[in-house]
Amino acid sequence: MSIRINERNDGKILEVQVAGKLTGRDYRRFVPEFERVIKQHGKVRILFDMAEFHGWNMAALWDDIKFDLKHFAAIERLAMVATKSGKSG
């Protein structure tokens, strides 16, 4: 799994790019970085680029639910960009 976090607009926007399948380890890396940004800048907007995203393992799914519940109020806006899955033709 690959996860990249880029701050934009002086930390008011976080661009999060994921590729592959998220694991609990990815959340242990992402959550402290997210918390650092909201501590410095307050509410943030998130652009979540999921073009190469392939889901979560069970630990990461649980971590995602906990993250959502704990940090919902710190997210001003959330945009998700993904590609259509499946084969055409």
C-alpha atoms as a PDB file:
ATOM      1  CA  MET A   1       0.000   0.000   0.000  1.00  0.00           C
ATOM      2  CA  SER A   2       1.107   3.484  -0.743  1.00  0.00           C
ATOM      3  CA  ILE A   3      -0.267   6.603   0.922  1.00  0.00           C
ATOM      4  CA  ARG A   4       0.891  10.161   0.264  1.00  0.00           C
ATOM      5  CA  ILE A   5      -0.261  13.247   2.116  1.00  0.00           C
ATOM      6  CA  ASN A   6       0.330  16.733   0.724  1.00  0.00           C
ATOM      7  CA  GLU A   7      -0.653  19.982   2.407  1.00  0.00           C
ATOM      8  CA  ARG A   8      -2.078  22.689   0.159  1.00  0.00           C
ATOM      9  CA  ASN A   9      -3.278  26.241   0.789  1.00  0.00           C
ATOM     10  CA  ASP A  10      -1.181  26.679   3.961  1.00  0.00           C
ATOM     11  CA  GLY A  11      -2.442  23.427   5.481  1.00  0.00           C
ATOM     12  CA  LYS A  12      -6.132  24.139   4.973  1.00  0.00           C
ATOM     13  CA  ILE A  13      -6.377  21.436   2.301  1.00  0.00           C
ATOM     14  CA  LEU A  14      -4.985  17.926   2.582  1.00  0.00           C
ATOM     15  CA  GLU A  15      -4.521  15.936  -0.572  1.00  0.00           C
ATOM     16  CA  VAL A  16      -4.439  12.230   0.291  1.00  0.00           C
ATOM     17  CA  GLN A  17      -3.492   9.771  -2.444  1.00  0.00           C
ATOM     18  CA  VAL A  18      -3.850   6.050  -1.855  1.00  0.00           C
ATOM     19  CA  ALA A  19      -2.882   3.086  -3.985  1.00  0.00           C
ATOM     20  CA  GLY A  20      -3.487  -0.572  -3.299  1.00  0.00           C
ATOM     21  CA  LYS A  21      -5.232  -1.911  -0.197  1.00  0.00           C
ATOM     22  CA  LEU A  22      -5.229   0.094   3.064  1.00  0.00           C
ATOM     23  CA  THR A  23      -3.920  -1.608   6.193  1.00  0.00           C
ATOM     24  CA  GLY A  24      -3.917  -0.724   9.880  1.00  0.00           C
ATOM     25  CA  ARG A  25      -0.280   0.285   9.438  1.00  0.00           C
ATOM     26  CA  ASP A  26      -1.352   2.932   6.903  1.00  0.00           C
ATOM     27  CA  TYR A  27      -3.752   4.443   9.432  1.00  0.00           C
ATOM     28  CA  ARG A  28      -1.043   4.493  12.100  1.00  0.00           C
ATOM     29  CA  ARG A  29       0.928   6.671   9.683  1.00  0.00           C
ATOM     30  CA  PHE A  30      -1.959   8.821   8.419  1.00  0.00           C
ATOM     31  CA  VAL A  31      -3.813   9.630  11.654  1.00  0.00           C
ATOM     32  CA  PRO A  32      -0.915  11.360  13.503  1.00  0.00           C
ATOM     33  CA  GLU A  33      -0.174  13.423  10.385  1.00  0.00           C
ATOM     34  CA  PHE A  34      -3.849  14.421  10.114  1.00  0.00           C
ATOM     35  CA  GLU A  35      -3.989  15.309  13.825  1.00  0.00           C
ATOM     36  CA  ARG A  36      -0.843  17.440  13.497  1.00  0.00           C
ATOM     37  CA  VAL A  37      -2.426  19.411  10.650  1.00  0.00           C
ATOM     38  CA  ILE A  38      -5.719  20.045  12.458  1.00  0.00           C
ATOM     39  CA  LYS A  39      -3.846  21.068  15.596  1.00  0.00           C
ATOM     40  CA  GLN A  40      -1.915  23.653  13.559  1.00  0.00           C
ATOM     41  CA  HIS A  41      -4.687  24.843  11.241  1.00  0.00           C
ATOM     42  CA  GLY A  42      -8.078  23.829  12.638  1.00  0.00           C
ATOM     43  CA  LYS A  43     -10.690  22.429  10.277  1.00  0.00           C
ATOM     44  CA  VAL A  44      -9.386  21.097   6.981  1.00  0.00           C
ATOM     45  CA  ARG A  45     -10.680  20.202   3.575  1.00  0.00           C
ATOM     46  CA  ILE A  46      -9.643  16.810   2.244  1.00  0.00           C
ATOM     47  CA  LEU A  47      -9.214  15.710  -1.350  1.00  0.00           C
ATOM     48  CA  PHE A  48      -9.018  11.928  -1.246  1.00  0.00           C
ATOM     49  CA  ASP A  49      -7.596  10.538  -4.513  1.00  0.00           C
ATOM     50  CA  MET A  50      -8.714   6.912  -4.713  1.00  0.00           C
ATOM     51  CA  ALA A  51      -7.893   6.264  -8.381  1.00  0.00           C
ATOM     52  CA  GLU A  52      -5.660   3.294  -7.521  1.00  0.00           C
ATOM     53  CA  PHE A  53      -7.482   2.282  -4.306  1.00  0.00           C
ATOM     54  CA  HIS A  54      -8.411  -1.397  -3.829  1.00  0.00           C
ATOM     55  CA  GLY A  55     -10.194  -1.377  -0.469  1.00  0.00           C
ATOM     56  CA  TRP A  56      -9.265  -2.099   3.137  1.00  0.00           C
ATOM     57  CA  ASN A  57      -8.225  -5.103   5.132  1.00  0.00           C
ATOM     58  CA  MET A  58     -10.358  -5.719   8.254  1.00  0.00           C
ATOM     59  CA  ALA A  59      -7.996  -3.881  10.630  1.00  0.00           C
ATOM     60  CA  ALA A  60      -7.944  -0.834   8.358  1.00  0.00           C
ATOM     61  CA  LEU A  61     -11.731  -0.853   7.983  1.00  0.00           C
ATOM     62  CA  TRP A  62     -12.074  -0.729  11.768  1.00  0.00           C
ATOM     63  CA  ASP A  63      -9.431   2.030  11.949  1.00  0.00           C
ATOM     64  CA  ASP A  64     -11.360   3.973   9.297  1.00  0.00           C
ATOM     65  CA  ILE A  65     -14.588   3.780  11.283  1.00  0.00           C
ATOM     66  CA  LYS A  66     -12.795   4.980  14.455  1.00  0.00           C
ATOM     67  CA  PHE A  67     -11.112   7.787  12.497  1.00  0.00           C
ATOM     68  CA  ASP A  68     -14.436   8.951  11.051  1.00  0.00           C
ATOM     69  CA  LEU A  69     -16.135   9.049  14.437  1.00  0.00           C
ATOM     70  CA  LYS A  70     -13.271  10.858  16.168  1.00  0.00           C
ATOM     71  CA  HIS A  71     -12.416  13.399  13.458  1.00  0.00           C
ATOM     72  CA  PHE A  72     -15.737  14.111  11.733  1.00  0.00           C
ATOM     73  CA  ALA A  73     -15.986  17.634  13.190  1.00  0.00           C
ATOM     74  CA  ALA A  74     -12.445  18.524  12.035  1.00  0.00           C
ATOM     75  CA  ILE A  75     -13.292  17.978   8.363  1.00  0.00           C
ATOM     76  CA  GLU A  76     -14.828  21.042   6.745  1.00  0.00           C
ATOM     77  CA  ARG A  77     -15.312  19.385   3.357  1.00  0.00           C
ATOM     78  CA  LEU A  78     -14.399  16.062   1.839  1.00  0.00           C
ATOM     79  CA  ALA A  79     -14.059  15.234  -1.851  1.00  0.00           C
ATOM     80  CA  MET A  80     -13.319  11.754  -3.135  1.00  0.00           C
ATOM     81  CA  VAL A  81     -12.050  11.051  -6.632  1.00  0.00           C
ATOM     82  CA  ALA A  82     -12.029   7.490  -7.969  1.00  0.00           C
ATOM     83  CA  THR A  83     -12.124   5.544 -11.177  1.00  0.00           C
ATOM     84  CA  LYS A  84     -14.908   3.236 -12.212  1.00  0.00           C
ATOM     85  CA  SER A  85     -14.067  -0.324 -11.222  1.00  0.00           C
ATOM     86  CA  GLY A  86     -14.727  -3.358 -13.332  1.00  0.00           C
ATOM     87  CA  LYS A  87     -14.059  -4.240 -16.922  1.00  0.00           C
ATOM     88  CA  SER A  88     -15.836  -2.695 -19.841  1.00  0.00           C
ATOM     89  CA  GLY A  89     -16.743  -4.354 -23.044  1.00  0.00           C
END
